Amino acid sequence: MSLLLAMFEGLADPDKNCSRAATVMINALLKERGAVLQDKVPDIMSIIHGKLQEVDEEHVRKAAQQTVYILAAQHTAVVVSSLLGSALPFDSHTCAMWRALATEPSLTAQILEQLLEKVTRDVPYKESRTFLLGGSSERVATPLPMAVSVPRFRARGRARRGSGRRRDASPR
């Protein structure tokens, strides 16, 4: 894990060759040894998010998204849970991490299944009764179902856009 952490620090190196080398090393390490890092995945996801905030280089951003994909291919449930734990509304970096999960249809299907399971299992709102105000009740949305709805709709929209013809395209 210490080598991996050192490589993550290398992502911010001002020399593009060094930051590119760090991205290659990170992804190679995760492909080979990522299966044994399940308990470290939330920490790694947090580090990736932090590096996405810190670095403006496009090649580093793309590599970080690939890193999220590699982790998700090995630890789908943990990656999904980590992303769902992000603050709402999702910032652009969290959205980029979600988008990385929509690149492979089989992985996307697994993730959508997990998101649907979370939505059906968790209560979408809490109801509180205010007896002092005439016994009326108020519904307040719970965070997890709200968080689940964001990537679910983004992934569905991406699937629709990738299915051939655009919605606004006229028939030929």
C-alpha atoms as a PDB file:
ATOM      1  CA  MET A   1       0.000   0.000   0.000  1.00  0.00           C
ATOM      2  CA  SER A   2       2.888   2.391   0.680  1.00  0.00           C
ATOM      3  CA  LEU A   3       4.110   2.058  -2.927  1.00  0.00           C
ATOM      4  CA  LEU A   4       0.605   2.809  -4.164  1.00  0.00           C
ATOM      5  CA  LEU A   5       0.373   5.901  -1.943  1.00  0.00           C
ATOM      6  CA  ALA A   6       3.736   7.128  -3.253  1.00  0.00           C
ATOM      7  CA  MET A   7       2.493   6.666  -6.815  1.00  0.00           C
ATOM      8  CA  PHE A   8      -0.635   8.709  -6.039  1.00  0.00           C
ATOM      9  CA  GLU A   9       1.635  11.529  -4.861  1.00  0.00           C
ATOM     10  CA  GLY A  10       3.408  11.293  -8.216  1.00  0.00           C
ATOM     11  CA  LEU A  11       0.193  12.260 -10.021  1.00  0.00           C
ATOM     12  CA  ALA A  12       0.782  15.880  -9.025  1.00  0.00           C
ATOM     13  CA  ASP A  13       4.361  15.928 -10.329  1.00  0.00           C
ATOM     14  CA  PRO A  14       4.883  18.962 -12.579  1.00  0.00           C
ATOM     15  CA  ASP A  15       6.869  16.811 -15.045  1.00  0.00           C
ATOM     16  CA  LYS A  16       4.232  15.236 -17.315  1.00  0.00           C
ATOM     17  CA  ASN A  17       6.412  12.183 -17.917  1.00  0.00           C
ATOM     18  CA  CYS A  18       6.600  11.499 -14.181  1.00  0.00           C
ATOM     19  CA  SER A  19       2.851  11.927 -13.673  1.00  0.00           C
ATOM     20  CA  ARG A  20       2.183   9.658 -16.668  1.00  0.00           C
ATOM     21  CA  ALA A  21       4.545   7.044 -15.246  1.00  0.00           C
ATOM     22  CA  ALA A  22       2.721   7.268 -11.918  1.00  0.00           C
ATOM     23  CA  THR A  23      -0.648   6.648 -13.622  1.00  0.00           C
ATOM     24  CA  VAL A  24       0.730   3.604 -15.444  1.00  0.00           C
ATOM     25  CA  MET A  25       2.217   2.211 -12.229  1.00  0.00           C
ATOM     26  CA  ILE A  26      -0.972   2.780 -10.225  1.00  0.00           C
ATOM     27  CA  ASN A  27      -3.171   1.046 -12.761  1.00  0.00           C
ATOM     28  CA  ALA A  28      -0.698  -1.820 -13.229  1.00  0.00           C
ATOM     29  CA  LEU A  29      -0.475  -2.342  -9.453  1.00  0.00           C
ATOM     30  CA  LEU A  30      -4.244  -2.313  -9.085  1.00  0.00           C
ATOM     31  CA  LYS A  31      -4.749  -4.733 -11.960  1.00  0.00           C
ATOM     32  CA  GLU A  32      -2.265  -7.167 -10.431  1.00  0.00           C
ATOM     33  CA  ARG A  33      -2.851  -6.716  -6.692  1.00  0.00           C
ATOM     34  CA  GLY A  34      -6.123  -4.818  -6.422  1.00  0.00           C
ATOM     35  CA  ALA A  35      -8.054  -7.897  -5.349  1.00  0.00           C
ATOM     36  CA  VAL A  36      -6.289  -7.920  -1.963  1.00  0.00           C
ATOM     37  CA  LEU A  37      -7.041  -4.260  -1.254  1.00  0.00           C
ATOM     38  CA  GLN A  38     -10.776  -4.505  -0.556  1.00  0.00           C
ATOM     39  CA  ASP A  39     -10.568  -2.912   2.889  1.00  0.00           C
ATOM     40  CA  LYS A  40      -8.470  -0.042   1.438  1.00  0.00           C
ATOM     41  CA  VAL A  41     -10.830   0.772  -1.463  1.00  0.00           C
ATOM     42  CA  PRO A  42     -12.711   3.586   0.360  1.00  0.00           C
ATOM     43  CA  ASP A  43      -9.368   5.227   1.201  1.00  0.00           C
ATOM     44  CA  ILE A  44      -8.147   4.820  -2.378  1.00  0.00           C
ATOM     45  CA  MET A  45     -11.389   6.316  -3.709  1.00  0.00           C
ATOM     46  CA  SER A  46     -10.936   9.283  -1.388  1.00  0.00           C
ATOM     47  CA  ILE A  47      -7.350   9.746  -2.582  1.00  0.00           C
ATOM     48  CA  ILE A  48      -8.471   9.602  -6.223  1.00  0.00           C
ATOM     49  CA  HIS A  49     -11.130  12.229  -5.537  1.00  0.00           C
ATOM     50  CA  GLY A  50      -8.558  14.457  -3.881  1.00  0.00           C
ATOM     51  CA  LYS A  51      -6.134  14.086  -6.784  1.00  0.00           C
ATOM     52  CA  LEU A  52      -8.880  14.923  -9.283  1.00  0.00           C
ATOM     53  CA  GLN A  53      -9.422  18.167  -7.349  1.00  0.00           C
ATOM     54  CA  GLU A  54      -5.711  18.893  -7.212  1.00  0.00           C
ATOM     55  CA  VAL A  55      -4.572  18.089 -10.777  1.00  0.00           C
ATOM     56  CA  ASP A  56      -5.631  19.823 -13.993  1.00  0.00           C
ATOM     57  CA  GLU A  57      -3.804  17.573 -16.471  1.00  0.00           C
ATOM     58  CA  GLU A  58      -6.243  15.756 -18.753  1.00  0.00           C
ATOM     59  CA  HIS A  59      -4.101  12.593 -18.968  1.00  0.00           C
ATOM     60  CA  VAL A  60      -4.095  12.343 -15.168  1.00  0.00           C
ATOM     61  CA  ARG A  61      -7.882  12.775 -15.037  1.00  0.00           C
ATOM     62  CA  LYS A  62      -8.404  10.037 -17.615  1.00  0.00           C
ATOM     63  CA  ALA A  63      -5.997   7.731 -15.802  1.00  0.00           C
ATOM     64  CA  ALA A  64      -7.755   8.391 -12.487  1.00  0.00           C
ATOM     65  CA  GLN A  65     -11.060   7.440 -14.105  1.00  0.00           C
ATOM     66  CA  GLN A  66      -9.410   4.255 -15.378  1.00  0.00           C
ATOM     67  CA  THR A  67      -8.246   3.587 -11.819  1.00  0.00           C
ATOM     68  CA  VAL A  68     -11.839   3.862 -10.577  1.00  0.00           C
ATOM     69  CA  TYR A  69     -12.925   1.435 -13.295  1.00  0.00           C
ATOM     70  CA  ILE A  70     -10.190  -1.069 -12.350  1.00  0.00           C
ATOM     71  CA  LEU A  71     -11.207  -0.901  -8.688  1.00  0.00           C
ATOM     72  CA  ALA A  72     -14.889  -1.284  -9.557  1.00  0.00           C
ATOM     73  CA  ALA A  73     -14.199  -4.318 -11.727  1.00  0.00           C
ATOM     74  CA  GLN A  74     -12.658  -5.988  -8.662  1.00  0.00           C
ATOM     75  CA  HIS A  75     -14.747  -4.499  -5.831  1.00  0.00           C
ATOM     76  CA  THR A  76     -17.973  -3.211  -7.345  1.00  0.00           C
ATOM     77  CA  ALA A  77     -20.030  -3.005  -4.149  1.00  0.00           C
ATOM     78  CA  VAL A  78     -17.317  -1.189  -2.192  1.00  0.00           C
ATOM     79  CA  VAL A  79     -16.722   1.350  -4.973  1.00  0.00           C
ATOM     80  CA  VAL A  80     -20.459   2.022  -5.322  1.00  0.00           C
ATOM     81  CA  SER A  81     -20.830   2.438  -1.556  1.00  0.00           C
ATOM     82  CA  SER A  82     -17.847   4.781  -1.460  1.00  0.00           C
ATOM     83  CA  LEU A  83     -19.262   6.964  -4.215  1.00  0.00           C
ATOM     84  CA  LEU A  84     -22.717   6.994  -2.653  1.00  0.00           C
ATOM     85  CA  GLY A  85     -21.125   8.277   0.541  1.00  0.00           C
ATOM     86  CA  SER A  86     -20.001  11.437  -1.264  1.00  0.00           C
ATOM     87  CA  ALA A  87     -21.603  14.727  -0.311  1.00  0.00           C
ATOM     88  CA  LEU A  88     -24.719  15.774  -2.194  1.00  0.00           C
ATOM     89  CA  PRO A  89     -24.945  17.350  -4.650  1.00  0.00           C
ATOM     90  CA  PHE A  90     -22.086  15.453  -6.290  1.00  0.00           C
ATOM     91  CA  ASP A  91     -19.227  17.662  -7.403  1.00  0.00           C
ATOM     92  CA  SER A  92     -17.758  17.381 -10.896  1.00  0.00           C
ATOM     93  CA  HIS A  93     -14.986  15.061  -9.706  1.00  0.00           C
ATOM     94  CA  THR A  94     -17.426  12.609  -8.140  1.00  0.00           C
ATOM     95  CA  CYS A  95     -19.496  12.725 -11.332  1.00  0.00           C
ATOM     96  CA  ALA A  96     -16.358  11.948 -13.337  1.00  0.00           C
ATOM     97  CA  MET A  97     -15.773   8.924 -11.120  1.00  0.00           C
ATOM     98  CA  TRP A  98     -19.352   7.758 -11.739  1.00  0.00           C
ATOM     99  CA  ARG A  99     -18.882   8.249 -15.487  1.00  0.00           C
ATOM    100  CA  ALA A 100     -15.829   5.996 -15.365  1.00  0.00           C
ATOM    101  CA  LEU A 101     -18.135   3.205 -14.228  1.00  0.00           C
ATOM    102  CA  ALA A 102     -20.363   3.611 -17.283  1.00  0.00           C
ATOM    103  CA  THR A 103     -17.650   2.700 -19.787  1.00  0.00           C
ATOM    104  CA  GLU A 104     -18.140  -1.070 -19.741  1.00  0.00           C
ATOM    105  CA  PRO A 105     -21.717  -2.332 -20.296  1.00  0.00           C
ATOM    106  CA  SER A 106     -21.363  -5.435 -18.115  1.00  0.00           C
ATOM    107  CA  LEU A 107     -20.001  -3.391 -15.199  1.00  0.00           C
ATOM    108  CA  THR A 108     -22.661  -0.737 -15.739  1.00  0.00           C
ATOM    109  CA  ALA A 109     -25.361  -3.405 -15.538  1.00  0.00           C
ATOM    110  CA  GLN A 110     -23.945  -4.697 -12.226  1.00  0.00           C
ATOM    111  CA  ILE A 111     -23.807  -1.176 -10.821  1.00  0.00           C
ATOM    112  CA  LEU A 112     -27.349  -0.323 -11.923  1.00  0.00           C
ATOM    113  CA  GLU A 113     -28.540  -3.537 -10.291  1.00  0.00           C
ATOM    114  CA  GLN A 114     -26.836  -2.548  -7.031  1.00  0.00           C
ATOM    115  CA  LEU A 115     -28.287   0.955  -7.187  1.00  0.00           C
ATOM    116  CA  LEU A 116     -31.800  -0.384  -7.784  1.00  0.00           C
ATOM    117  CA  GLU A 117     -31.371  -2.790  -4.886  1.00  0.00           C
ATOM    118  CA  LYS A 118     -30.316   0.068  -2.602  1.00  0.00           C
ATOM    119  CA  VAL A 119     -33.278   2.179  -3.653  1.00  0.00           C
ATOM    120  CA  THR A 120     -35.785  -0.610  -3.039  1.00  0.00           C
ATOM    121  CA  ARG A 121     -34.179  -1.628   0.256  1.00  0.00           C
ATOM    122  CA  ASP A 122     -33.829   1.822   1.819  1.00  0.00           C
ATOM    123  CA  VAL A 123     -36.653   4.104   2.848  1.00  0.00           C
ATOM    124  CA  PRO A 124     -36.941   7.015   0.369  1.00  0.00           C
ATOM    125  CA  TYR A 125     -38.202   9.429   2.996  1.00  0.00           C
ATOM    126  CA  LYS A 126     -38.837   9.806   6.700  1.00  0.00           C
ATOM    127  CA  GLU A 127     -42.192  10.954   7.890  1.00  0.00           C
ATOM    128  CA  SER A 128     -42.429  13.182  10.912  1.00  0.00           C
ATOM    129  CA  ARG A 129     -45.668  14.215  12.499  1.00  0.00           C
ATOM    130  CA  THR A 130     -46.017  17.660  13.937  1.00  0.00           C
ATOM    131  CA  PHE A 131     -48.682  17.290  16.586  1.00  0.00           C
ATOM    132  CA  LEU A 132     -48.520  20.921  17.598  1.00  0.00           C
ATOM    133  CA  LEU A 133     -49.558  22.013  14.124  1.00  0.00           C
ATOM    134  CA  GLY A 134     -52.763  20.025  13.850  1.00  0.00           C
ATOM    135  CA  GLY A 135     -51.401  16.509  13.383  1.00  0.00           C
ATOM    136  CA  SER A 136     -50.086  17.007   9.876  1.00  0.00           C
ATOM    137  CA  SER A 137     -47.107  15.025   8.664  1.00  0.00           C
ATOM    138  CA  GLU A 138     -44.046  16.063   6.741  1.00  0.00           C
ATOM    139  CA  ARG A 139     -41.910  13.898   4.442  1.00  0.00           C
ATOM    140  CA  VAL A 140     -38.163  14.456   4.311  1.00  0.00           C
ATOM    141  CA  ALA A 141     -36.023  12.683   1.705  1.00  0.00           C
ATOM    142  CA  THR A 142     -33.287  10.409   3.030  1.00  0.00           C
ATOM    143  CA  PRO A 143     -29.778  10.890   1.592  1.00  0.00           C
ATOM    144  CA  LEU A 144     -29.051   7.418   0.163  1.00  0.00           C
ATOM    145  CA  PRO A 145     -31.983   7.172  -2.269  1.00  0.00           C
ATOM    146  CA  MET A 146     -31.277  10.730  -3.414  1.00  0.00           C
ATOM    147  CA  ALA A 147     -27.625   9.834  -3.978  1.00  0.00           C
ATOM    148  CA  VAL A 148     -28.606   6.677  -5.872  1.00  0.00           C
ATOM    149  CA  SER A 149     -30.878   8.573  -8.233  1.00  0.00           C
ATOM    150  CA  VAL A 150     -28.095  10.792  -9.622  1.00  0.00           C
ATOM    151  CA  PRO A 151     -25.802   8.121 -11.127  1.00  0.00           C
ATOM    152  CA  ARG A 152     -28.768   5.960 -12.116  1.00  0.00           C
ATOM    153  CA  PHE A 153     -30.272   8.677 -14.303  1.00  0.00           C
ATOM    154  CA  ARG A 154     -26.881   9.684 -15.713  1.00  0.00           C
ATOM    155  CA  ALA A 155     -26.139   6.081 -16.690  1.00  0.00           C
ATOM    156  CA  ARG A 156     -29.577   5.642 -18.269  1.00  0.00           C
ATOM    157  CA  GLY A 157     -29.110   8.856 -20.226  1.00  0.00           C
ATOM    158  CA  ARG A 158     -25.674   7.730 -21.414  1.00  0.00           C
ATOM    159  CA  ALA A 159     -27.108   4.364 -22.497  1.00  0.00           C
ATOM    160  CA  ARG A 160     -29.836   6.115 -24.490  1.00  0.00           C
ATOM    161  CA  ARG A 161     -27.358   8.458 -26.182  1.00  0.00           C
ATOM    162  CA  GLY A 162     -25.098   5.574 -27.118  1.00  0.00           C
ATOM    163  CA  SER A 163     -27.864   3.518 -28.700  1.00  0.00           C
ATOM    164  CA  GLY A 164     -27.483   4.827 -32.208  1.00  0.00           C
ATOM    165  CA  ARG A 165     -29.741   7.641 -33.330  1.00  0.00           C
ATOM    166  CA  ARG A 166     -30.009  10.841 -31.363  1.00  0.00           C
ATOM    167  CA  ARG A 167     -33.405  11.838 -30.039  1.00  0.00           C
ATOM    168  CA  ASP A 168     -33.441  15.099 -31.930  1.00  0.00           C
ATOM    169  CA  ALA A 169     -32.231  13.569 -35.179  1.00  0.00           C
ATOM    170  CA  SER A 170     -34.785  13.608 -37.907  1.00  0.00           C
ATOM    171  CA  PRO A 171     -35.550  10.433 -39.836  1.00  0.00           C
ATOM    172  CA  ARG A 172     -33.755  10.147 -43.157  1.00  0.00           C
END
